[in-house]
Amino acid sequence: MIDILAENISDELSRVAQSLESFDFSPVWNEMLDPLHEGFSSNFDQTRGPDGIWPPHAPYTILLHGPHPLLILTGAMKRSVTQSGSEGRIEELMRNEAKIGTSFFYAPYQQFGTRKIPARPFLWLEGSYVERLTNQLADAMMARVFNGNGTG
């Protein structure tokens, strides 16, 4: 009796693994863009990273460009990570992975900092956005496992 039960469980787990392995996540990634964009936009609006409030502009930056919101001189970098189709946008929604980012050359200097520029991470998500995205992904996976639905 126990051997039969273990074999049935093993067979079912194999079926689930195969179902998820062949799952096309691209429609799910597309559904996840709104909370992702909201989270990144919130980082700009709140001027904060995972370690707290971003450091203020250096006096020299203000002298060069005048006072302006942190990381929003023109708004192009913010748009590139919060709006599909924007200039500089990197958006690749593939079957097994998604890549969202910006191609602006100065973005890594802002995200990670340099010897002269403090890090102001904008590509991160705080807990409530992570929870929303995790729940969306879990729901899509459960629908696939229990309904055999390959679209998410």
N, C-alpha and C. Protein backbone atom coordinates (compact mmCIF):
# COMPACT_ATOMS: atom_id res chain seq x y z
N MET A 1 0.82 -1.20 0.00
CA MET A 1 0.00 0.00 0.00
C MET A 1 0.86 1.25 0.00
N ILE A 2 1.86 1.31 0.89
CA ILE A 2 2.72 2.49 0.98
C ILE A 2 3.56 2.64 -0.28
N ASP A 3 4.05 1.53 -0.85
CA ASP A 3 4.84 1.60 -2.08
C ASP A 3 4.01 2.17 -3.23
N ILE A 4 2.76 1.77 -3.31
CA ILE A 4 1.89 2.26 -4.37
C ILE A 4 1.65 3.76 -4.20
N LEU A 5 1.42 4.19 -2.97
CA LEU A 5 1.19 5.61 -2.69
C LEU A 5 2.42 6.43 -3.06
N ALA A 6 3.61 5.98 -2.66
CA ALA A 6 4.85 6.70 -2.98
C ALA A 6 5.05 6.77 -4.49
N GLU A 7 4.72 5.69 -5.17
CA GLU A 7 4.87 5.67 -6.63
C GLU A 7 3.90 6.66 -7.27
N ASN A 8 2.67 6.72 -6.78
CA ASN A 8 1.68 7.67 -7.31
C ASN A 8 2.12 9.11 -7.07
N ILE A 9 2.64 9.40 -5.89
CA ILE A 9 3.12 10.74 -5.58
C ILE A 9 4.28 11.10 -6.49
N SER A 10 5.20 10.17 -6.66
CA SER A 10 6.36 10.40 -7.52
C SER A 10 5.92 10.66 -8.96
N ASP A 11 4.96 9.89 -9.45
CA ASP A 11 4.45 10.09 -10.81
C ASP A 11 3.80 11.46 -10.94
N GLU A 12 3.02 11.85 -9.93
CA GLU A 12 2.33 13.15 -9.98
C GLU A 12 3.34 14.30 -9.94
N LEU A 13 4.36 14.18 -9.11
CA LEU A 13 5.39 15.22 -9.04
C LEU A 13 6.15 15.32 -10.36
N SER A 14 6.40 14.22 -11.01
CA SER A 14 7.05 14.24 -12.32
C SER A 14 6.17 14.95 -13.35
N ARG A 15 4.85 14.67 -13.29
CA ARG A 15 3.92 15.32 -14.21
C ARG A 15 3.91 16.84 -13.99
N VAL A 16 3.90 17.26 -12.72
CA VAL A 16 3.91 18.68 -12.40
C VAL A 16 5.19 19.33 -12.91
N ALA A 17 6.32 18.68 -12.66
CA ALA A 17 7.61 19.23 -13.10
C ALA A 17 7.64 19.37 -14.62
N GLN A 18 7.17 18.37 -15.34
CA GLN A 18 7.15 18.45 -16.80
C GLN A 18 6.20 19.55 -17.28
N SER A 19 5.08 19.69 -16.61
CA SER A 19 4.12 20.73 -16.97
C SER A 19 4.74 22.11 -16.82
N LEU A 20 5.43 22.34 -15.71
CA LEU A 20 6.04 23.64 -15.48
C LEU A 20 7.25 23.86 -16.39
N GLU A 21 7.97 22.81 -16.70
CA GLU A 21 9.14 22.93 -17.56
C GLU A 21 8.76 23.41 -18.96
N SER A 22 7.60 23.00 -19.43
CA SER A 22 7.17 23.39 -20.78
C SER A 22 6.28 24.63 -20.77
N PHE A 23 6.09 25.22 -19.62
CA PHE A 23 5.20 26.37 -19.47
C PHE A 23 5.76 27.60 -20.16
N ASP A 24 4.95 28.27 -20.94
CA ASP A 24 5.34 29.53 -21.58
C ASP A 24 4.93 30.67 -20.66
N PHE A 25 5.91 31.25 -19.97
CA PHE A 25 5.66 32.30 -19.00
C PHE A 25 5.47 33.68 -19.64
N SER A 26 5.70 33.83 -20.94
CA SER A 26 5.68 35.18 -21.54
C SER A 26 4.37 35.93 -21.29
N PRO A 27 3.20 35.29 -21.35
CA PRO A 27 1.98 36.06 -21.02
C PRO A 27 1.95 36.48 -19.54
N VAL A 28 2.52 35.67 -18.68
CA VAL A 28 2.57 35.99 -17.25
C VAL A 28 3.48 37.19 -17.04
N TRP A 29 4.64 37.19 -17.69
CA TRP A 29 5.56 38.34 -17.55
C TRP A 29 4.84 39.61 -17.99
N ASN A 30 4.08 39.53 -19.07
CA ASN A 30 3.37 40.71 -19.55
C ASN A 30 2.37 41.23 -18.50
N GLU A 31 1.68 40.32 -17.83
CA GLU A 31 0.73 40.71 -16.78
C GLU A 31 1.45 41.31 -15.57
N MET A 32 2.71 40.96 -15.39
CA MET A 32 3.47 41.44 -14.22
C MET A 32 4.09 42.82 -14.45
N LEU A 33 4.00 43.36 -15.65
CA LEU A 33 4.63 44.64 -15.95
C LEU A 33 4.05 45.79 -15.13
N ASP A 34 2.73 45.83 -14.94
CA ASP A 34 2.14 46.95 -14.20
C ASP A 34 2.70 47.09 -12.79
N PRO A 35 2.67 46.03 -11.96
CA PRO A 35 3.24 46.19 -10.62
C PRO A 35 4.75 46.47 -10.65
N LEU A 36 5.44 45.92 -11.63
CA LEU A 36 6.87 46.19 -11.76
C LEU A 36 7.09 47.67 -12.05
N HIS A 37 6.35 48.20 -13.00
CA HIS A 37 6.47 49.63 -13.34
C HIS A 37 6.10 50.50 -12.14
N GLU A 38 5.04 50.14 -11.43
CA GLU A 38 4.62 50.91 -10.26
C GLU A 38 5.73 50.92 -9.20
N GLY A 39 6.35 49.77 -8.99
CA GLY A 39 7.42 49.68 -8.00
C GLY A 39 8.62 50.53 -8.37
N PHE A 40 9.05 50.46 -9.62
CA PHE A 40 10.19 51.26 -10.05
C PHE A 40 9.85 52.75 -10.00
N SER A 41 8.64 53.11 -10.41
CA SER A 41 8.22 54.50 -10.36
C SER A 41 8.21 55.02 -8.93
N SER A 42 7.76 54.19 -8.00
CA SER A 42 7.74 54.57 -6.59
C SER A 42 9.15 54.87 -6.09
N ASN A 43 10.13 54.12 -6.55
CA ASN A 43 11.51 54.38 -6.14
C ASN A 43 11.95 55.79 -6.54
N PHE A 44 11.61 56.19 -7.75
CA PHE A 44 11.94 57.54 -8.20
C PHE A 44 11.16 58.58 -7.41
N ASP A 45 9.87 58.33 -7.23
CA ASP A 45 9.01 59.30 -6.55
C ASP A 45 9.39 59.47 -5.07
N GLN A 46 9.77 58.36 -4.44
CA GLN A 46 10.12 58.39 -3.02
C GLN A 46 11.62 58.68 -2.80
N THR A 47 12.38 58.75 -3.89
CA THR A 47 13.84 58.96 -3.86
C THR A 47 14.52 58.09 -2.82
N ARG A 48 14.25 56.79 -2.96
CA ARG A 48 14.84 55.87 -1.99
C ARG A 48 15.22 54.55 -2.63
N GLY A 49 16.23 53.93 -2.01
CA GLY A 49 16.66 52.61 -2.41
C GLY A 49 16.41 51.65 -1.27
N PRO A 50 16.89 50.42 -1.39
CA PRO A 50 16.65 49.43 -0.34
C PRO A 50 17.31 49.80 0.99
N ASP A 51 18.31 50.67 0.96
CA ASP A 51 19.00 51.07 2.19
C ASP A 51 18.56 52.44 2.71
N GLY A 52 17.52 53.02 2.11
CA GLY A 52 17.02 54.29 2.61
C GLY A 52 17.00 55.37 1.54
N ILE A 53 16.84 56.61 2.01
CA ILE A 53 16.73 57.77 1.12
C ILE A 53 18.03 57.97 0.34
N TRP A 54 17.89 58.32 -0.94
CA TRP A 54 19.06 58.58 -1.77
C TRP A 54 19.80 59.82 -1.26
N PRO A 55 21.12 59.84 -1.41
CA PRO A 55 21.89 61.05 -1.06
C PRO A 55 21.47 62.21 -1.95
N PRO A 56 21.51 63.44 -1.43
CA PRO A 56 21.11 64.61 -2.23
C PRO A 56 22.12 64.89 -3.34
N HIS A 57 21.73 65.79 -4.25
CA HIS A 57 22.64 66.23 -5.30
C HIS A 57 23.87 66.88 -4.69
N ALA A 58 24.97 66.72 -5.38
CA ALA A 58 26.18 67.46 -5.01
C ALA A 58 25.98 68.92 -5.42
N PRO A 59 26.59 69.85 -4.71
CA PRO A 59 26.48 71.26 -5.10
C PRO A 59 26.87 71.51 -6.56
N TYR A 60 27.88 70.79 -7.04
CA TYR A 60 28.32 70.96 -8.42
C TYR A 60 27.22 70.56 -9.41
N THR A 61 26.49 69.49 -9.11
CA THR A 61 25.38 69.05 -9.98
C THR A 61 24.31 70.13 -10.06
N ILE A 62 23.99 70.73 -8.93
CA ILE A 62 22.99 71.80 -8.91
C ILE A 62 23.49 73.01 -9.69
N LEU A 63 24.79 73.30 -9.56
CA LEU A 63 25.37 74.42 -10.31
C LEU A 63 25.27 74.17 -11.81
N LEU A 64 25.56 72.94 -12.25
CA LEU A 64 25.51 72.60 -13.67
C LEU A 64 24.09 72.56 -14.24
N HIS A 65 23.17 71.92 -13.51
CA HIS A 65 21.84 71.63 -14.06
C HIS A 65 20.70 72.34 -13.35
N GLY A 66 21.00 73.07 -12.30
CA GLY A 66 19.94 73.70 -11.51
C GLY A 66 19.27 72.66 -10.63
N PRO A 67 18.41 73.11 -9.74
CA PRO A 67 17.71 72.15 -8.88
C PRO A 67 16.72 71.32 -9.69
N HIS A 68 16.69 70.04 -9.44
CA HIS A 68 15.76 69.13 -10.10
C HIS A 68 15.63 67.87 -9.25
N PRO A 69 14.55 67.11 -9.44
CA PRO A 69 14.39 65.87 -8.66
C PRO A 69 15.55 64.90 -8.92
N LEU A 70 15.91 64.15 -7.91
CA LEU A 70 16.99 63.18 -8.05
C LEU A 70 16.70 62.19 -9.18
N LEU A 71 17.69 61.97 -10.01
CA LEU A 71 17.65 61.05 -11.15
C LEU A 71 16.61 61.42 -12.20
N ILE A 72 16.07 62.63 -12.16
CA ILE A 72 15.06 63.03 -13.14
C ILE A 72 15.41 64.39 -13.73
N LEU A 73 16.52 64.44 -14.44
CA LEU A 73 16.87 65.68 -15.14
C LEU A 73 15.92 65.87 -16.33
N THR A 74 15.79 64.83 -17.15
CA THR A 74 14.86 64.88 -18.29
C THR A 74 13.69 63.91 -18.11
N GLY A 75 13.84 62.93 -17.26
CA GLY A 75 12.82 61.90 -17.05
C GLY A 75 12.98 60.70 -17.96
N ALA A 76 13.97 60.73 -18.86
CA ALA A 76 14.13 59.65 -19.83
C ALA A 76 14.46 58.32 -19.16
N MET A 77 15.35 58.34 -18.17
CA MET A 77 15.72 57.08 -17.53
C MET A 77 14.53 56.49 -16.78
N LYS A 78 13.78 57.33 -16.07
CA LYS A 78 12.60 56.84 -15.36
C LYS A 78 11.60 56.24 -16.34
N ARG A 79 11.33 56.94 -17.43
CA ARG A 79 10.39 56.41 -18.44
C ARG A 79 10.88 55.08 -18.99
N SER A 80 12.19 54.96 -19.19
CA SER A 80 12.71 53.73 -19.80
C SER A 80 12.48 52.49 -18.95
N VAL A 81 12.35 52.66 -17.64
CA VAL A 81 12.12 51.49 -16.78
C VAL A 81 10.68 51.40 -16.28
N THR A 82 9.86 52.38 -16.62
CA THR A 82 8.47 52.36 -16.14
C THR A 82 7.43 52.39 -17.25
N GLN A 83 7.87 52.49 -18.50
CA GLN A 83 6.92 52.55 -19.61
C GLN A 83 7.42 51.70 -20.78
N SER A 84 6.66 50.69 -21.13
CA SER A 84 7.00 49.87 -22.30
C SER A 84 7.06 50.75 -23.54
N GLY A 85 8.02 50.48 -24.40
CA GLY A 85 8.16 51.21 -25.65
C GLY A 85 8.92 52.52 -25.56
N SER A 86 9.36 52.89 -24.37
CA SER A 86 10.10 54.15 -24.21
C SER A 86 11.51 54.05 -24.75
N GLU A 87 12.06 55.20 -25.11
CA GLU A 87 13.45 55.25 -25.55
C GLU A 87 14.35 54.68 -24.45
N GLY A 88 15.30 53.86 -24.85
CA GLY A 88 16.24 53.27 -23.91
C GLY A 88 15.71 52.04 -23.17
N ARG A 89 14.49 51.64 -23.44
CA ARG A 89 13.85 50.52 -22.75
C ARG A 89 14.48 49.21 -23.16
N ILE A 90 14.78 48.37 -22.19
CA ILE A 90 15.14 46.97 -22.44
C ILE A 90 13.97 46.16 -21.91
N GLU A 91 13.32 45.45 -22.79
CA GLU A 91 12.18 44.61 -22.39
C GLU A 91 12.18 43.35 -23.24
N GLU A 92 12.52 42.25 -22.64
CA GLU A 92 12.53 40.97 -23.31
C GLU A 92 11.69 40.01 -22.48
N LEU A 93 10.51 39.67 -22.99
CA LEU A 93 9.61 38.74 -22.31
C LEU A 93 9.65 37.43 -23.06
N MET A 94 10.45 36.49 -22.55
CA MET A 94 10.65 35.22 -23.23
C MET A 94 9.89 34.11 -22.51
N ARG A 95 9.96 32.94 -23.06
CA ARG A 95 9.23 31.80 -22.50
C ARG A 95 9.63 31.52 -21.06
N ASN A 96 10.92 31.53 -20.76
CA ASN A 96 11.40 31.15 -19.43
C ASN A 96 11.97 32.30 -18.61
N GLU A 97 12.11 33.47 -19.18
CA GLU A 97 12.71 34.57 -18.44
C GLU A 97 12.24 35.91 -19.00
N ALA A 98 12.39 36.92 -18.16
CA ALA A 98 12.04 38.28 -18.57
C ALA A 98 13.18 39.20 -18.17
N LYS A 99 13.49 40.15 -19.03
CA LYS A 99 14.51 41.15 -18.73
C LYS A 99 13.90 42.53 -18.92
N ILE A 100 13.98 43.34 -17.88
CA ILE A 100 13.48 44.71 -17.93
C ILE A 100 14.61 45.61 -17.44
N GLY A 101 14.87 46.66 -18.16
CA GLY A 101 15.94 47.57 -17.73
C GLY A 101 16.03 48.77 -18.65
N THR A 102 17.19 49.39 -18.62
CA THR A 102 17.43 50.57 -19.42
C THR A 102 18.79 50.47 -20.08
N SER A 103 18.89 51.03 -21.28
CA SER A 103 20.16 50.99 -22.00
C SER A 103 20.93 52.31 -21.88
N PHE A 104 20.40 53.27 -21.12
CA PHE A 104 21.12 54.53 -20.97
C PHE A 104 22.47 54.28 -20.31
N PHE A 105 23.53 54.82 -20.90
CA PHE A 105 24.89 54.52 -20.45
C PHE A 105 25.12 54.93 -19.01
N TYR A 106 24.42 55.93 -18.53
CA TYR A 106 24.65 56.45 -17.18
C TYR A 106 23.87 55.70 -16.10
N ALA A 107 22.96 54.84 -16.49
CA ALA A 107 22.13 54.12 -15.51
C ALA A 107 22.95 53.31 -14.51
N PRO A 108 23.96 52.54 -14.94
CA PRO A 108 24.74 51.78 -13.95
C PRO A 108 25.47 52.68 -12.94
N TYR A 109 25.89 53.87 -13.38
CA TYR A 109 26.56 54.79 -12.47
C TYR A 109 25.61 55.23 -11.37
N GLN A 110 24.34 55.43 -11.73
CA GLN A 110 23.35 55.83 -10.74
C GLN A 110 22.95 54.65 -9.86
N GLN A 111 22.75 53.50 -10.47
CA GLN A 111 22.30 52.31 -9.74
C GLN A 111 23.35 51.85 -8.72
N PHE A 112 24.61 51.80 -9.15
CA PHE A 112 25.65 51.22 -8.30
C PHE A 112 26.61 52.24 -7.71
N GLY A 113 26.62 53.45 -8.27
CA GLY A 113 27.53 54.48 -7.80
C GLY A 113 28.93 54.32 -8.36
N THR A 114 29.75 55.33 -8.13
CA THR A 114 31.16 55.33 -8.53
C THR A 114 31.93 55.95 -7.37
N ARG A 115 33.20 56.22 -7.60
CA ARG A 115 33.98 56.91 -6.55
C ARG A 115 33.42 58.30 -6.28
N LYS A 116 32.84 58.92 -7.31
CA LYS A 116 32.36 60.30 -7.16
C LYS A 116 30.84 60.42 -7.11
N ILE A 117 30.13 59.41 -7.56
CA ILE A 117 28.66 59.44 -7.59
C ILE A 117 28.13 58.43 -6.58
N PRO A 118 27.31 58.88 -5.63
CA PRO A 118 26.75 57.90 -4.69
C PRO A 118 25.72 57.00 -5.38
N ALA A 119 25.64 55.77 -4.93
CA ALA A 119 24.65 54.84 -5.49
C ALA A 119 23.24 55.33 -5.15
N ARG A 120 22.40 55.31 -6.16
CA ARG A 120 20.98 55.63 -5.98
C ARG A 120 20.19 54.53 -6.70
N PRO A 121 20.09 53.36 -6.08
CA PRO A 121 19.44 52.22 -6.75
C PRO A 121 17.97 52.50 -7.04
N PHE A 122 17.60 52.33 -8.30
CA PHE A 122 16.22 52.54 -8.72
C PHE A 122 15.59 51.27 -9.25
N LEU A 123 16.41 50.27 -9.61
CA LEU A 123 15.90 48.99 -10.10
C LEU A 123 15.89 47.98 -8.95
N TRP A 124 14.92 48.12 -8.09
CA TRP A 124 14.69 47.19 -6.98
C TRP A 124 13.22 47.32 -6.62
N LEU A 125 12.71 46.38 -5.86
CA LEU A 125 11.31 46.41 -5.47
C LEU A 125 11.18 46.18 -3.97
N GLU A 126 10.31 46.97 -3.35
CA GLU A 126 10.06 46.77 -1.93
C GLU A 126 9.01 45.68 -1.75
N GLY A 127 8.85 45.24 -0.54
CA GLY A 127 8.07 44.06 -0.19
C GLY A 127 6.69 43.92 -0.81
N SER A 128 5.88 44.97 -0.79
CA SER A 128 4.50 44.83 -1.30
C SER A 128 4.49 44.53 -2.80
N TYR A 129 5.43 45.09 -3.54
CA TYR A 129 5.50 44.81 -4.98
C TYR A 129 6.02 43.39 -5.22
N VAL A 130 6.99 42.98 -4.45
CA VAL A 130 7.51 41.61 -4.56
C VAL A 130 6.40 40.62 -4.25
N GLU A 131 5.61 40.91 -3.22
CA GLU A 131 4.50 40.03 -2.85
C GLU A 131 3.48 39.93 -3.98
N ARG A 132 3.11 41.06 -4.58
CA ARG A 132 2.16 41.04 -5.69
C ARG A 132 2.68 40.21 -6.86
N LEU A 133 3.95 40.41 -7.20
CA LEU A 133 4.54 39.67 -8.32
C LEU A 133 4.64 38.18 -8.01
N THR A 134 5.03 37.86 -6.79
CA THR A 134 5.13 36.46 -6.37
C THR A 134 3.76 35.79 -6.44
N ASN A 135 2.73 36.48 -5.97
CA ASN A 135 1.38 35.92 -6.02
C ASN A 135 0.90 35.71 -7.45
N GLN A 136 1.20 36.66 -8.33
CA GLN A 136 0.81 36.50 -9.74
C GLN A 136 1.50 35.29 -10.35
N LEU A 137 2.77 35.15 -10.08
CA LEU A 137 3.52 34.02 -10.63
C LEU A 137 3.00 32.70 -10.06
N ALA A 138 2.76 32.66 -8.76
CA ALA A 138 2.25 31.45 -8.12
C ALA A 138 0.87 31.08 -8.67
N ASP A 139 0.01 32.07 -8.86
CA ASP A 139 -1.32 31.80 -9.42
C ASP A 139 -1.22 31.21 -10.82
N ALA A 140 -0.34 31.77 -11.64
CA ALA A 140 -0.17 31.26 -13.00
C ALA A 140 0.36 29.83 -12.98
N MET A 141 1.30 29.56 -12.11
CA MET A 141 1.86 28.21 -12.03
C MET A 141 0.81 27.22 -11.53
N MET A 142 0.02 27.62 -10.55
CA MET A 142 -1.02 26.72 -10.03
C MET A 142 -2.08 26.46 -11.10
N ALA A 143 -2.43 27.48 -11.86
CA ALA A 143 -3.40 27.28 -12.93
C ALA A 143 -2.86 26.27 -13.94
N ARG A 144 -1.57 26.36 -14.22
CA ARG A 144 -0.95 25.42 -15.16
C ARG A 144 -0.98 24.00 -14.61
N VAL A 145 -0.61 23.85 -13.36
CA VAL A 145 -0.54 22.52 -12.75
C VAL A 145 -1.92 21.88 -12.66
N PHE A 146 -2.91 22.63 -12.19
CA PHE A 146 -4.21 22.05 -11.92
C PHE A 146 -5.17 22.08 -13.10
N ASN A 147 -4.96 22.99 -14.03
CA ASN A 147 -5.85 23.09 -15.18
C ASN A 147 -5.22 22.63 -16.48
N GLY A 148 -3.89 22.44 -16.46
CA GLY A 148 -3.20 22.07 -17.69
C GLY A 148 -3.19 23.21 -18.69
N ASN A 149 -3.37 24.43 -18.19
CA ASN A 149 -3.47 25.60 -19.07
C ASN A 149 -2.07 26.12 -19.37
N GLY A 150 -1.62 26.03 -20.62
CA GLY A 150 -0.29 26.44 -20.99
C GLY A 150 -0.10 27.94 -21.17
N THR A 151 -1.15 28.73 -21.04
CA THR A 151 -1.01 30.15 -21.26
C THR A 151 -0.86 30.91 -19.97
N GLY A 152 -0.96 30.28 -18.84
CA GLY A 152 -0.79 30.97 -17.56
C GLY A 152 -2.09 31.32 -16.98
